[in-house]
């Protein structure tokens, strides 16, 4: 997508990619390669999907809640492959952003290292083109079955960030349906509004168009494309009725008039 504002033009990449499912280090390898690739193609900002590292835990919608053994084992794997914002995995992402000279926002499963180290948050991590962590936002309210995985965030992590491209901020998936959270983004002057998600529905796409017009902002909706073949073998029995695609993505960029300009 190319944004034109005050005669300046720049490209934004909505990285509709799949993770290496439940493998943090391999997923970060892939993310770093994609950061380099989109920068080489002229992008100055890259947005990755919700919970990209090491995976969106879609199994909460597929594994029966009564199957505590499977759910517990999957949580253990997710926790073992989660991200510490102060850890080496984040340093690798920062190095990739700095070497590519690109701003990056990426969804991660974040371990709460400030406390028990065993709770997880659905976090959007912001990295500047100089390789510094600009900040992070923890999803305010996990949706439905997600609450078996993620702890609840709070408003202290809502923010927008000044960049040479403009003020950048955003909300994660269905917290975009929270009017006061959206208002905070608008009130702080967001110009590029990021919406990483797992949703790919027509209703979601219409909501992004509404947000663009309501806030008079560019909106980038980024969702991972995930095939059944991307899942580990032990999860496949829970998806026996699924087709090739678990998620088709439907990533988009919307201009301030609510028009799709990419995706």
Protein backbone atom coordinates (compact mmCIF):
# COMPACT_ATOMS: atom_id res chain seq x y z
CA UNK A 1 0.00 0.00 0.00
CA UNK A 2 1.23 3.53 -0.80
CA UNK A 3 0.06 6.41 1.39
CA UNK A 4 0.04 9.93 0.00
CA UNK A 5 -0.13 12.75 2.51
CA UNK A 6 1.16 16.33 2.09
CA UNK A 7 2.89 15.23 -1.14
CA UNK A 8 4.92 12.60 0.73
CA UNK A 9 4.52 8.99 -0.35
CA UNK A 10 5.53 5.84 1.46
CA UNK A 11 4.68 2.17 1.47
CA UNK A 12 3.16 0.12 4.29
CA UNK A 13 3.34 -3.68 4.30
CA UNK A 14 0.52 -5.73 5.82
CA UNK A 15 2.40 -9.00 6.22
CA UNK A 16 -0.25 -11.68 5.65
CA UNK A 17 1.96 -14.64 6.53
CA UNK A 18 1.72 -17.77 8.64
CA UNK A 19 3.99 -18.41 11.64
CA UNK A 20 6.02 -21.55 12.12
CA UNK A 21 3.33 -22.85 14.42
CA UNK A 22 4.36 -22.90 18.10
CA UNK A 23 8.05 -22.48 17.25
CA UNK A 24 9.18 -19.08 18.51
CA UNK A 25 12.73 -19.11 17.16
CA UNK A 26 11.76 -20.33 13.69
CA UNK A 27 8.89 -17.82 13.56
CA UNK A 28 11.24 -14.98 14.48
CA UNK A 29 13.64 -16.18 11.78
CA UNK A 30 10.73 -15.96 9.33
CA UNK A 31 9.67 -12.54 10.62
CA UNK A 32 13.20 -11.16 10.27
CA UNK A 33 13.39 -12.45 6.68
CA UNK A 34 10.01 -10.88 5.88
CA UNK A 35 11.09 -7.57 7.43
CA UNK A 36 14.11 -7.54 5.12
CA UNK A 37 11.97 -8.54 2.12
CA UNK A 38 9.30 -5.87 2.50
CA UNK A 39 11.93 -3.20 3.20
CA UNK A 40 13.77 -4.22 0.04
CA UNK A 41 10.49 -3.65 -1.78
CA UNK A 42 10.24 -0.13 -0.42
CA UNK A 43 8.04 -0.49 2.68
CA UNK A 44 8.80 1.83 5.58
CA UNK A 45 6.34 0.25 8.03
CA UNK A 46 5.51 -3.44 8.40
CA UNK A 47 2.52 -4.74 10.36
CA UNK A 48 2.36 -8.42 11.28
CA UNK A 49 -0.81 -10.26 12.40
CA UNK A 50 -2.20 -10.67 15.88
CA UNK A 51 -0.19 -13.13 18.02
CA UNK A 52 2.13 -13.90 15.11
CA UNK A 53 4.89 -15.18 17.40
CA UNK A 54 4.61 -18.11 17.84
CA UNK A 55 0.94 -18.54 16.75
CA UNK A 56 -2.62 -17.43 17.31
CA UNK A 57 -4.07 -20.14 19.64
CA UNK A 58 -6.94 -21.06 17.36
CA UNK A 59 -7.27 -24.39 19.19
CA UNK A 60 -9.37 -22.63 21.86
CA UNK A 61 -12.18 -22.71 19.27
CA UNK A 62 -11.50 -26.30 18.17
CA UNK A 63 -10.48 -28.37 21.23
CA UNK A 64 -13.44 -29.14 23.55
CA UNK A 65 -13.19 -27.27 26.88
CA UNK A 66 -13.60 -30.62 28.65
CA UNK A 67 -10.30 -31.85 27.16
CA UNK A 68 -8.18 -30.29 29.86
CA UNK A 69 -5.17 -32.50 29.19
CA UNK A 70 -4.80 -31.32 25.60
CA UNK A 71 -5.50 -27.70 26.46
CA UNK A 72 -2.97 -27.77 29.30
CA UNK A 73 -0.28 -29.32 27.11
CA UNK A 74 -0.86 -26.73 24.38
CA UNK A 75 -0.65 -23.91 26.91
CA UNK A 76 2.67 -25.30 28.14
CA UNK A 77 4.02 -25.31 24.58
CA UNK A 78 2.77 -21.81 23.93
CA UNK A 79 4.29 -20.52 27.18
CA UNK A 80 7.63 -22.16 26.39
CA UNK A 81 7.65 -20.42 23.01
CA UNK A 82 6.32 -17.06 24.14
CA UNK A 83 8.23 -13.78 23.95
CA UNK A 84 9.98 -11.81 26.65
CA UNK A 85 10.04 -8.16 25.58
CA UNK A 86 13.36 -7.74 27.38
CA UNK A 87 14.76 -10.97 25.96
CA UNK A 88 16.97 -11.98 23.04
CA UNK A 89 14.02 -12.80 20.80
CA UNK A 90 12.98 -9.14 20.85
CA UNK A 91 16.59 -8.07 20.29
CA UNK A 92 16.60 -10.11 17.07
CA UNK A 93 13.47 -8.34 15.82
CA UNK A 94 14.97 -4.98 16.74
CA UNK A 95 18.18 -5.78 14.88
CA UNK A 96 16.18 -6.79 11.80
CA UNK A 97 14.22 -3.52 11.91
CA UNK A 98 17.39 -1.46 12.30
CA UNK A 99 19.26 -3.26 9.52
CA UNK A 100 16.28 -2.84 7.19
CA UNK A 101 15.59 0.75 8.30
CA UNK A 102 11.89 0.04 8.77
CA UNK A 103 9.30 0.51 11.49
CA UNK A 104 7.73 -2.76 12.67
CA UNK A 105 4.59 -3.62 14.64
CA UNK A 106 4.23 -7.32 15.39
CA UNK A 107 1.78 -9.40 17.39
CA UNK A 108 3.35 -11.61 20.06
CA UNK A 109 2.36 -13.91 22.88
CA UNK A 110 4.10 -12.04 25.70
CA UNK A 111 5.26 -13.69 28.94
CA UNK A 112 4.69 -11.54 32.05
CA UNK A 113 8.32 -11.41 33.12
CA UNK A 114 7.56 -8.61 35.56
CA UNK A 115 5.65 -11.08 37.77
CA UNK A 116 5.13 -14.84 37.69
CA UNK A 117 6.51 -15.47 34.21
CA UNK A 118 3.65 -17.93 33.62
CA UNK A 119 0.84 -15.64 32.44
CA UNK A 120 0.54 -14.62 28.81
CA UNK A 121 -0.69 -11.46 27.14
CA UNK A 122 -1.79 -10.84 23.57
CA UNK A 123 0.59 -7.98 22.82
CA UNK A 124 1.31 -5.64 19.92
CA UNK A 125 5.00 -4.72 19.98
CA UNK A 126 6.18 -1.49 18.31
CA UNK A 127 9.77 -1.20 17.05
CA UNK A 128 11.30 1.90 15.46
CA UNK A 129 13.44 1.95 12.35
CA UNK A 130 16.44 2.61 14.60
CA UNK A 131 15.87 -0.73 16.35
CA UNK A 132 14.46 0.68 19.59
CA UNK A 133 11.34 -0.71 21.24
CA UNK A 134 8.87 2.16 21.08
CA UNK A 135 6.32 0.47 23.30
CA UNK A 136 3.83 -2.34 23.60
CA UNK A 137 0.08 -2.71 23.96
CA UNK A 138 -1.56 -5.62 25.76
CA UNK A 139 -5.01 -6.57 24.48
CA UNK A 140 -7.57 -5.16 26.91
CA UNK A 141 -10.07 -8.00 26.86
CA UNK A 142 -9.44 -11.43 25.32
CA UNK A 143 -12.50 -12.67 23.44
CA UNK A 144 -14.41 -15.78 24.54
CA UNK A 145 -12.19 -18.85 24.53
CA UNK A 146 -9.07 -16.66 24.32
CA UNK A 147 -9.50 -16.08 28.06
CA UNK A 148 -8.23 -19.62 28.64
CA UNK A 149 -4.91 -18.37 27.21
CA UNK A 150 -4.42 -14.66 27.74
CA UNK A 151 -4.61 -12.44 30.79
CA UNK A 152 -6.56 -9.20 30.65
CA UNK A 153 -4.65 -6.03 29.78
CA UNK A 154 -5.41 -2.51 30.95
CA UNK A 155 -5.55 1.01 29.56
CA UNK A 156 -2.05 1.92 30.68
CA UNK A 157 -0.62 0.41 27.48
CA UNK A 158 -2.83 2.39 25.10
CA UNK A 159 -0.66 4.89 23.23
CA UNK A 160 0.36 6.33 19.89
CA UNK A 161 3.94 6.81 18.72
CA UNK A 162 5.52 9.68 16.82
CA UNK A 163 7.42 8.48 13.77
CA UNK A 164 8.70 10.22 10.63
CA UNK A 165 5.68 8.67 8.90
CA UNK A 166 3.17 10.23 11.30
CA UNK A 167 1.55 9.17 14.56
CA UNK A 168 1.13 5.39 14.67
CA UNK A 169 -1.13 3.49 17.07
CA UNK A 170 -3.64 0.71 17.07
CA UNK A 171 -5.86 -1.86 18.73
CA UNK A 172 -5.90 -5.65 18.55
CA UNK A 173 -8.75 -7.55 16.90
CA UNK A 174 -12.10 -7.14 18.65
CA UNK A 175 -10.98 -4.40 21.01
CA UNK A 176 -11.51 -2.28 17.88
CA UNK A 177 -15.20 -2.62 18.77
CA UNK A 178 -14.61 -0.64 21.99
CA UNK A 179 -15.66 2.98 21.26
CA UNK A 180 -13.61 4.54 24.06
CA UNK A 181 -10.45 2.68 23.06
CA UNK A 182 -10.90 3.92 19.48
CA UNK A 183 -11.54 7.41 20.81
CA UNK A 184 -8.23 7.31 22.69
CA UNK A 185 -6.43 6.61 19.41
CA UNK A 186 -8.19 9.49 17.69
CA UNK A 187 -7.74 11.91 20.60
CA UNK A 188 -4.00 11.27 20.67
CA UNK A 189 -3.80 12.10 16.99
CA UNK A 190 -3.28 8.70 15.38
CA UNK A 191 -2.79 9.05 11.62
CA UNK A 192 -1.89 5.42 10.83
CA UNK A 193 -4.18 3.10 12.75
CA UNK A 194 -3.06 -0.54 13.00
CA UNK A 195 -5.56 -3.38 13.47
CA UNK A 196 -3.82 -6.77 13.65
CA UNK A 197 -6.43 -9.49 13.96
CA UNK A 198 -7.58 -13.07 13.57
CA UNK A 199 -10.92 -11.96 12.09
CA UNK A 200 -11.40 -12.14 8.32
CA UNK A 201 -15.19 -11.70 8.10
CA UNK A 202 -17.13 -9.26 5.95
CA UNK A 203 -18.40 -7.59 9.13
CA UNK A 204 -14.81 -7.02 10.26
CA UNK A 205 -13.86 -5.45 6.94
CA UNK A 206 -16.87 -3.13 7.18
CA UNK A 207 -15.77 -2.15 10.70
CA UNK A 208 -12.33 -1.17 9.42
CA UNK A 209 -13.96 1.06 6.81
CA UNK A 210 -16.05 2.69 9.54
CA UNK A 211 -12.98 3.27 11.74
CA UNK A 212 -11.14 4.89 8.83
CA UNK A 213 -13.98 7.35 8.26
CA UNK A 214 -14.77 7.88 11.93
CA UNK A 215 -11.19 8.74 12.84
CA UNK A 216 -10.13 10.07 9.42
CA UNK A 217 -7.15 7.74 9.57
CA UNK A 218 -5.43 5.21 7.37
CA UNK A 219 -6.31 1.77 8.73
CA UNK A 220 -4.15 -1.32 8.20
CA UNK A 221 -5.92 -4.59 8.98
CA UNK A 222 -3.50 -7.52 9.04
CA UNK A 223 -4.49 -11.15 9.55
CA UNK A 224 -2.43 -14.29 9.07
CA UNK A 225 -3.17 -16.67 6.24
CA UNK A 226 -3.10 -20.14 7.80
CA UNK A 227 -3.55 -23.49 6.07
CA UNK A 228 -4.37 -26.76 7.79
CA UNK A 229 -0.99 -27.98 6.58
CA UNK A 230 0.64 -25.27 8.78
CA UNK A 231 -0.64 -26.97 11.94
CA UNK A 232 1.35 -29.58 13.91
CA UNK A 233 0.20 -33.16 13.41
CA UNK A 234 -1.21 -33.53 16.93
CA UNK A 235 -3.71 -30.72 16.28
CA UNK A 236 -5.01 -32.08 12.99
CA UNK A 237 -7.61 -34.42 14.56
CA UNK A 238 -9.41 -31.35 15.89
CA UNK A 239 -9.62 -29.90 12.35
CA UNK A 240 -10.75 -32.99 10.45
CA UNK A 241 -13.76 -31.13 9.04
CA UNK A 242 -11.77 -28.05 8.01
CA UNK A 243 -10.85 -27.32 4.42
CA UNK A 244 -7.44 -26.29 3.16
CA UNK A 245 -7.61 -22.90 4.84
CA UNK A 246 -8.00 -22.31 8.58
CA UNK A 247 -7.83 -18.57 7.92
CA UNK A 248 -7.80 -16.91 4.49
CA UNK A 249 -6.47 -13.62 5.87
CA UNK A 250 -8.42 -10.83 4.13
CA UNK A 251 -5.79 -8.23 5.10
CA UNK A 252 -6.58 -4.73 3.85
CA UNK A 253 -5.54 -1.11 3.87
CA UNK A 254 -8.28 1.52 4.01
CA UNK A 255 -7.92 5.24 3.31
CA UNK A 256 -9.53 7.97 5.48
CA UNK A 257 -12.57 8.01 3.19
CA UNK A 258 -13.25 4.34 3.89
CA UNK A 259 -12.01 3.05 0.54
CA UNK A 260 -10.01 -0.14 0.23
CA UNK A 261 -6.71 0.82 -1.38
CA UNK A 262 -4.95 -2.52 -0.92
CA UNK A 263 -5.86 -6.11 -0.10
